Amino acid sequence: MRDVAHSELNELIELENIIRDGGSHLSTHVAGEVTAGSQRFPIHVIALGNPSPEVPVVGFFGGFHGLERIGAEVVMAYLRSLVSRLEWDSVLHRQLESVRLVFMPIVNPGGMWRGTRANPNGVDLMRNAPLAAMEKVPFLFGGQRISARLPWYRGLEGAPMEPENIAVCAVVEQELLGRKFSIALDCHSGFGINDRLWFPYAHTTQPIRHLPEMHALMEIYDQTHPNHRYVFEPQSRQYLAHGDIWDYLYQRASTLPERTFLPLTLEMGSWMWVKKNPRQLFSRHGIFNPLIEHRQQRVLRRHLSWLDFLSRAACGYPRWIPTESAREQHRQAALQRWYRTEIR
């Protein structure tokens, strides 16, 4: 499947090798194509598991920011693991009868090839959705329309979303929002020492409607992985931003009856890598990615269990998702934990 038009983007070559090795076990299509200079890049979508609309689905996304290669690599490492296990793992085959898994590991191949956070048009894909923050956002960092030459550029007001985001929305709407239960995980790297698991909102400090479900998901993870080091929280506890694509998609999902859509973002703390190798500060890629091989392998190992947990949690969601009075108990516990509001 190798295409000379993108022969210099190793991550895309690796993804296409995984698709080749997965063969008939995988359902694949190209959700769009982007151009960077003279290069053309496909946006691949890969799915496996039960295609029935009656089963839950988990979507795994990476590479929204071209500089953050480790996000795409975590998603691809999990996909590679699944493809390898399909050859011998009968338990995995039974699991896939009860869930569908969808992958978009490299959402922004043009930005990844150029080595930029933004896409080839200079637009930050995580500031590009048609959704404005309801409260004050950090200057520039929360999204700006001053210039594409500055970071965190949202794009022109009133313009359509960038083609990469249009492709993501089409996949989410087709594969995730039509199911009774779905989870999305978007993998990034960010400043800070801690690995954080964020859920909406980013455009307001108000809690989401599915706060009880988010709290219940965190609770079963705490119970089954008591030694984990993730910080689970709403993104608004760190900063607010315009144009967050997951806020936008969650809002759209909330208009659908009897649907539970739980979007999550994994923000891997990159300062730990920099602390152990300060020379990375002098590399644009080093600020966002582990550059030493054994540290990269350690990062991949650490997060694969979280991705696998989400697949299993989706399979068994009727066993843990709160109903009736339990929803209110989870809501009150979540408000106390994350929002510090009075019990109402």
Protein backbone atom coordinates (compact mmCIF):
# COMPACT_ATOMS: atom_id res chain seq x y z
CA MET A 1 0.00 0.00 0.00
CA ARG A 2 3.00 2.30 0.13
CA ASP A 3 2.54 5.49 -1.87
CA VAL A 4 5.57 7.48 -2.97
CA ALA A 5 3.49 10.64 -2.43
CA HIS A 6 3.83 10.20 1.31
CA SER A 7 6.94 8.03 1.53
CA GLU A 8 8.56 10.44 4.00
CA LEU A 9 5.85 10.12 6.67
CA ASN A 10 6.91 7.04 8.62
CA GLU A 11 3.80 6.95 10.80
CA LEU A 12 1.56 6.76 7.75
CA ILE A 13 3.69 3.99 6.25
CA GLU A 14 3.43 2.05 9.53
CA LEU A 15 -0.34 2.53 9.62
CA GLU A 16 -0.69 1.19 6.09
CA ASN A 17 1.48 -1.79 7.03
CA ILE A 18 -0.91 -2.53 9.91
CA ILE A 19 -3.86 -2.30 7.51
CA ARG A 20 -2.13 -4.73 5.17
CA ASP A 21 -1.36 -7.18 7.97
CA GLY A 22 -4.93 -7.00 9.30
CA GLY A 23 -6.30 -8.12 5.96
CA SER A 24 -9.90 -9.27 5.95
CA HIS A 25 -10.25 -8.78 9.72
CA LEU A 26 -10.36 -5.01 9.16
CA SER A 27 -12.83 -2.73 7.45
CA THR A 28 -11.04 0.30 6.03
CA HIS A 29 -11.74 3.40 4.02
CA VAL A 30 -10.21 6.81 3.34
CA ALA A 31 -12.29 9.54 4.97
CA GLY A 32 -10.54 12.34 3.11
CA GLU A 33 -7.33 13.51 1.53
CA VAL A 34 -5.23 16.54 2.39
CA THR A 35 -2.42 18.27 0.54
CA ALA A 36 0.75 19.75 1.99
CA GLY A 37 2.91 21.35 -0.67
CA SER A 38 3.35 18.72 -3.36
CA GLN A 39 2.48 15.87 -0.99
CA ARG A 40 -0.92 14.15 -0.78
CA PHE A 41 -2.00 12.33 2.36
CA PRO A 42 -5.01 10.08 2.99
CA ILE A 43 -6.91 10.12 6.28
CA HIS A 44 -7.41 6.44 7.04
CA VAL A 45 -10.28 4.96 9.04
CA ILE A 46 -9.99 1.38 10.29
CA ALA A 47 -12.69 -0.64 12.04
CA LEU A 48 -13.01 -4.14 13.45
CA GLY A 49 -15.57 -5.97 15.48
CA ASN A 50 -19.32 -6.29 15.15
CA PRO A 51 -20.79 -3.77 12.66
CA SER A 52 -24.31 -4.15 14.06
CA PRO A 53 -25.79 -0.81 15.24
CA GLU A 54 -27.02 -2.67 18.33
CA VAL A 55 -23.54 -3.08 19.87
CA PRO A 56 -21.50 -0.32 21.60
CA VAL A 57 -18.53 1.29 19.86
CA VAL A 58 -15.25 2.89 20.91
CA GLY A 59 -13.46 5.35 18.63
CA PHE A 60 -9.71 5.93 18.99
CA PHE A 61 -8.28 9.14 17.50
CA GLY A 62 -4.75 10.55 17.30
CA GLY A 63 -2.61 13.02 15.44
CA PHE A 64 -4.89 16.08 15.61
CA HIS A 65 -1.71 18.08 16.28
CA GLY A 66 1.08 17.25 13.89
CA LEU A 67 3.82 17.87 16.45
CA GLU A 68 2.34 15.37 18.91
CA ARG A 69 3.37 12.17 17.17
CA ILE A 70 3.17 10.13 20.35
CA GLY A 71 -0.63 10.43 20.33
CA ALA A 72 -0.85 8.77 16.91
CA GLU A 73 1.73 6.20 17.97
CA VAL A 74 -0.27 5.16 21.06
CA VAL A 75 -3.38 4.58 18.93
CA MET A 76 -1.40 2.66 16.31
CA ALA A 77 0.33 0.55 18.96
CA TYR A 78 -3.05 -0.57 20.28
CA LEU A 79 -4.31 -1.30 16.76
CA ARG A 80 -1.13 -3.26 16.01
CA SER A 81 -1.60 -5.26 19.21
CA LEU A 82 -5.17 -6.15 18.25
CA VAL A 83 -4.18 -7.19 14.73
CA SER A 84 -1.43 -9.43 16.12
CA ARG A 85 -3.78 -11.02 18.67
CA LEU A 86 -6.42 -11.80 16.06
CA GLU A 87 -4.20 -14.63 14.86
CA TRP A 88 -4.49 -16.58 18.12
CA ASP A 89 -6.62 -14.87 20.79
CA SER A 90 -10.03 -16.56 20.95
CA VAL A 91 -11.07 -14.35 23.89
CA LEU A 92 -10.50 -11.26 21.72
CA HIS A 93 -12.64 -12.76 18.96
CA ARG A 94 -15.49 -13.29 21.43
CA GLN A 95 -15.06 -9.75 22.74
CA LEU A 96 -15.29 -8.33 19.22
CA GLU A 97 -18.67 -10.00 18.80
CA SER A 98 -19.97 -7.52 21.43
CA VAL A 99 -18.24 -4.29 20.45
CA ARG A 100 -17.02 -2.32 17.44
CA LEU A 101 -13.67 -0.51 17.49
CA VAL A 102 -12.96 2.37 15.12
CA PHE A 103 -9.55 4.00 14.60
CA MET A 104 -8.44 7.32 13.08
CA PRO A 105 -4.80 7.33 14.22
CA ILE A 106 -3.54 10.18 12.00
CA VAL A 107 -6.18 12.89 11.70
CA ASN A 108 -3.70 15.57 10.59
CA PRO A 109 -1.14 13.85 8.32
CA GLY A 110 -0.25 17.13 6.59
CA GLY A 111 0.66 18.79 9.89
CA MET A 112 2.59 15.72 10.96
CA TRP A 113 4.59 15.75 7.73
CA ARG A 114 5.29 19.50 8.12
CA GLY A 115 6.11 19.12 11.83
CA THR A 116 3.54 21.69 12.92
CA ARG A 117 0.76 21.75 15.49
CA ALA A 118 -1.67 23.14 12.92
CA ASN A 119 -2.80 21.60 9.65
CA PRO A 120 -1.25 22.74 6.33
CA ASN A 121 -3.65 25.72 6.26
CA GLY A 122 -2.27 26.92 9.59
CA VAL A 123 -5.46 26.05 11.49
CA ASP A 124 -5.41 24.39 14.91
CA LEU A 125 -7.92 21.57 14.51
CA MET A 126 -8.78 21.66 18.23
CA ARG A 127 -9.84 25.33 17.96
CA ASN A 128 -11.73 25.02 14.66
CA ALA A 129 -15.24 23.79 15.48
CA PRO A 130 -18.11 26.31 15.19
CA LEU A 131 -18.45 26.73 18.94
CA ALA A 132 -17.46 29.80 20.96
CA ALA A 133 -16.56 29.72 24.62
CA MET A 134 -19.23 31.04 26.96
CA GLU A 135 -16.64 32.39 29.41
CA LYS A 136 -13.26 34.09 29.19
CA VAL A 137 -10.48 32.07 27.55
CA PRO A 138 -6.69 32.56 27.82
CA PHE A 139 -5.38 35.11 25.32
CA LEU A 140 -4.23 33.40 22.09
CA PHE A 141 -4.03 29.99 23.77
CA GLY A 142 -7.81 29.69 23.97
CA GLY A 143 -8.11 30.21 20.21
CA GLN A 144 -7.54 33.29 18.06
CA ARG A 145 -8.49 34.69 14.65
CA ILE A 146 -5.71 37.27 14.40
CA SER A 147 -3.46 35.36 12.02
CA ALA A 148 -2.66 31.85 10.80
CA ARG A 149 0.98 32.73 11.48
CA LEU A 150 0.27 32.66 15.20
CA PRO A 151 -0.45 29.41 17.07
CA TRP A 152 -3.98 28.32 18.05
CA TYR A 153 -5.52 29.91 14.93
CA ARG A 154 -9.24 29.05 14.68
CA GLY A 155 -9.74 29.74 10.97
CA LEU A 156 -11.88 32.42 9.35
CA GLU A 157 -15.13 33.23 11.10
CA GLY A 158 -18.07 31.65 9.29
CA ALA A 159 -15.88 29.43 7.12
CA PRO A 160 -16.52 25.67 6.98
CA MET A 161 -14.47 23.49 9.27
CA GLU A 162 -11.16 22.23 7.96
CA PRO A 163 -11.33 19.02 5.87
CA GLU A 164 -9.67 16.98 8.63
CA ASN A 165 -12.39 17.95 11.11
CA ILE A 166 -15.11 17.35 8.54
CA ALA A 167 -13.73 13.82 8.14
CA VAL A 168 -13.72 13.28 11.93
CA CYS A 169 -17.30 14.52 12.26
CA ALA A 170 -18.46 12.23 9.46
CA VAL A 171 -16.86 9.19 11.10
CA VAL A 172 -18.18 10.05 14.57
CA GLU A 173 -21.69 10.64 13.25
CA GLN A 174 -21.71 7.47 11.16
CA GLU A 175 -19.95 5.08 13.53
CA LEU A 176 -20.49 6.42 17.08
CA LEU A 177 -23.54 8.63 17.38
CA GLY A 178 -25.89 6.07 15.88
CA ARG A 179 -25.21 3.64 18.73
CA LYS A 180 -26.97 3.58 22.07
CA PHE A 181 -23.58 3.75 23.81
CA SER A 182 -20.24 5.02 22.51
CA ILE A 183 -16.90 6.28 23.80
CA ALA A 184 -14.28 8.34 21.97
CA LEU A 185 -10.65 8.67 23.06
CA ASP A 186 -8.44 11.35 21.52
CA CYS A 187 -4.71 11.00 22.32
CA HIS A 188 -2.46 14.05 22.74
CA SER A 189 0.68 15.08 24.57
CA GLY A 190 0.72 18.23 26.68
CA PHE A 191 2.78 20.19 29.13
CA GLY A 192 2.79 19.03 32.74
CA ILE A 193 4.07 16.01 34.62
CA ASN A 194 0.76 14.17 35.08
CA ASP A 195 -1.11 12.16 32.49
CA ARG A 196 -4.63 13.58 32.39
CA LEU A 197 -7.94 12.18 31.16
CA TRP A 198 -10.21 15.06 30.19
CA PHE A 199 -13.88 15.09 29.39
CA PRO A 200 -16.04 18.02 28.15
CA TYR A 201 -16.56 20.82 28.49
CA ALA A 202 -13.77 23.08 27.23
CA HIS A 203 -16.03 26.02 26.28
CA THR A 204 -17.72 26.40 29.68
CA THR A 205 -17.24 25.46 33.30
CA GLN A 206 -20.75 24.02 33.46
CA PRO A 207 -20.99 20.22 33.91
CA ILE A 208 -22.15 17.96 31.09
CA ARG A 209 -25.42 16.04 31.12
CA HIS A 210 -23.59 12.71 31.31
CA LEU A 211 -21.56 13.65 34.37
CA PRO A 212 -22.89 10.59 36.30
CA GLU A 213 -21.70 8.26 33.53
CA MET A 214 -18.25 9.88 33.48
CA HIS A 215 -17.99 9.50 37.25
CA ALA A 216 -19.08 5.85 37.08
CA LEU A 217 -16.48 5.16 34.38
CA MET A 218 -13.76 6.73 36.52
CA GLU A 219 -14.93 4.72 39.52
CA ILE A 220 -14.70 1.32 37.83
CA TYR A 221 -11.25 2.24 36.51
CA ASP A 222 -10.11 3.24 40.00
CA GLN A 223 -11.45 -0.05 41.37
CA THR A 224 -9.82 -2.27 38.76
CA HIS A 225 -6.55 -0.27 38.39
CA PRO A 226 -5.97 1.14 41.89
CA ASN A 227 -2.34 2.06 41.19
CA HIS A 228 -2.91 4.12 38.06
CA ARG A 229 -1.52 7.68 37.86
CA TYR A 230 -4.11 9.35 35.65
CA VAL A 231 -5.81 12.56 36.72
CA PHE A 232 -9.44 12.28 35.61
CA GLU A 233 -11.19 15.66 35.31
CA PRO A 234 -13.24 18.02 33.12
CA GLN A 235 -11.01 19.99 30.76
CA SER A 236 -12.44 23.24 32.12
CA ARG A 237 -10.45 22.71 35.33
CA GLN A 238 -7.28 23.45 33.33
CA TYR A 239 -8.37 26.02 30.74
CA LEU A 240 -11.24 27.08 28.49
CA ALA A 241 -11.04 27.28 24.72
CA HIS A 242 -13.04 28.17 21.64
CA GLY A 243 -13.83 25.64 18.95
CA ASP A 244 -13.21 22.33 20.76
CA ILE A 245 -14.24 19.56 18.37
CA TRP A 246 -15.30 17.16 21.15
CA ASP A 247 -17.49 19.79 22.81
CA TYR A 248 -19.10 20.35 19.42
CA LEU A 249 -19.70 16.65 18.77
CA TYR A 250 -20.93 16.06 22.31
CA GLN A 251 -23.44 18.88 21.90
CA ARG A 252 -24.67 17.31 18.67
CA ALA A 253 -24.97 13.90 20.31
CA SER A 254 -26.95 15.39 23.17
CA THR A 255 -29.79 16.21 20.79
CA LEU A 256 -30.24 12.52 19.96
CA PRO A 257 -32.69 10.59 22.15
CA GLU A 258 -31.49 7.71 24.31
CA ARG A 259 -27.85 8.07 23.28
CA THR A 260 -24.83 8.07 25.59
CA PHE A 261 -21.66 9.47 23.99
CA LEU A 262 -18.64 9.88 26.26
CA PRO A 263 -15.73 11.75 24.60
CA LEU A 264 -12.39 11.64 26.43
CA THR A 265 -8.98 13.15 25.77
CA LEU A 266 -5.73 11.62 26.95
CA GLU A 267 -3.16 14.35 27.62
CA MET A 268 0.18 12.68 28.21
CA GLY A 269 2.40 14.77 30.47
CA SER A 270 5.47 15.58 28.41
CA TRP A 271 7.46 17.35 31.14
CA MET A 272 8.46 13.99 32.58
CA TRP A 273 10.30 13.19 29.34
CA VAL A 274 11.93 16.62 29.31
CA LYS A 275 12.91 16.34 32.98
CA LYS A 276 14.78 13.10 32.27
CA ASN A 277 16.33 14.42 29.07
CA PRO A 278 16.60 18.26 29.26
CA ARG A 279 18.23 18.41 25.82
CA GLN A 280 14.77 17.76 24.38
CA LEU A 281 13.93 21.39 25.15
CA PHE A 282 16.08 22.35 22.17
CA SER A 283 13.97 20.24 19.81
CA ARG A 284 10.51 21.29 18.69
CA HIS A 285 9.48 17.64 18.62
CA GLY A 286 11.22 16.93 21.92
CA ILE A 287 8.87 19.16 23.88
CA PHE A 288 5.92 16.96 22.92
CA ASN A 289 7.38 13.48 22.37
CA PRO A 290 9.78 11.08 24.11
CA LEU A 291 12.86 11.02 21.88
CA ILE A 292 14.75 8.15 23.53
CA GLU A 293 13.56 4.75 22.37
CA HIS A 294 13.16 3.02 25.73
CA ARG A 295 11.12 5.95 27.08
CA GLN A 296 8.84 5.83 24.06
CA GLN A 297 8.36 2.09 24.58
CA ARG A 298 7.53 2.71 28.24
CA VAL A 299 4.91 5.30 27.27
CA LEU A 300 3.30 2.92 24.79
CA ARG A 301 3.17 0.10 27.34
CA ARG A 302 1.70 2.33 30.05
CA HIS A 303 -1.22 3.61 28.01
CA LEU A 304 -2.22 0.46 26.13
CA SER A 305 -3.94 -0.90 29.23
CA TRP A 306 -6.13 2.23 29.34
CA LEU A 307 -7.20 1.79 25.71
CA ASP A 308 -7.94 -1.87 26.33
CA PHE A 309 -9.93 -0.97 29.44
CA LEU A 310 -12.17 1.31 27.38
CA SER A 311 -12.89 -1.51 24.94
CA ARG A 312 -13.87 -3.80 27.79
CA ALA A 313 -15.87 -1.09 29.56
CA ALA A 314 -17.89 -0.49 26.40
CA CYS A 315 -18.58 -4.22 26.06
CA GLY A 316 -19.98 -4.38 29.58
CA TYR A 317 -21.54 -0.94 29.86
CA PRO A 318 -25.00 -2.20 30.97
CA ARG A 319 -23.30 -3.64 34.08
CA TRP A 320 -21.81 -0.35 35.32
CA ILE A 321 -23.67 2.57 33.76
CA PRO A 322 -25.79 4.21 36.50
CA THR A 323 -29.56 4.19 36.30
CA GLU A 324 -32.36 5.91 38.20
CA SER A 325 -31.33 6.87 41.76
CA ALA A 326 -27.70 5.84 41.18
CA ARG A 327 -27.35 8.59 38.57
CA GLU A 328 -28.10 11.27 41.14
CA GLN A 329 -25.64 9.74 43.61
CA HIS A 330 -22.91 9.77 40.98
CA ARG A 331 -23.82 13.32 39.96
CA GLN A 332 -23.51 14.61 43.51
CA ALA A 333 -20.20 12.81 44.02
CA ALA A 334 -18.89 14.24 40.73
CA LEU A 335 -19.95 17.79 41.63
CA GLN A 336 -18.11 17.52 44.94
CA ARG A 337 -15.02 16.06 43.29
CA TRP A 338 -14.67 18.29 40.24
CA TYR A 339 -16.84 21.38 40.48
CA ARG A 340 -16.86 22.27 44.17
CA THR A 341 -20.45 23.42 43.94
CA GLU A 342 -23.13 23.17 46.57
CA ILE A 343 -25.29 20.07 46.45
CA ARG A 344 -28.53 20.99 44.70
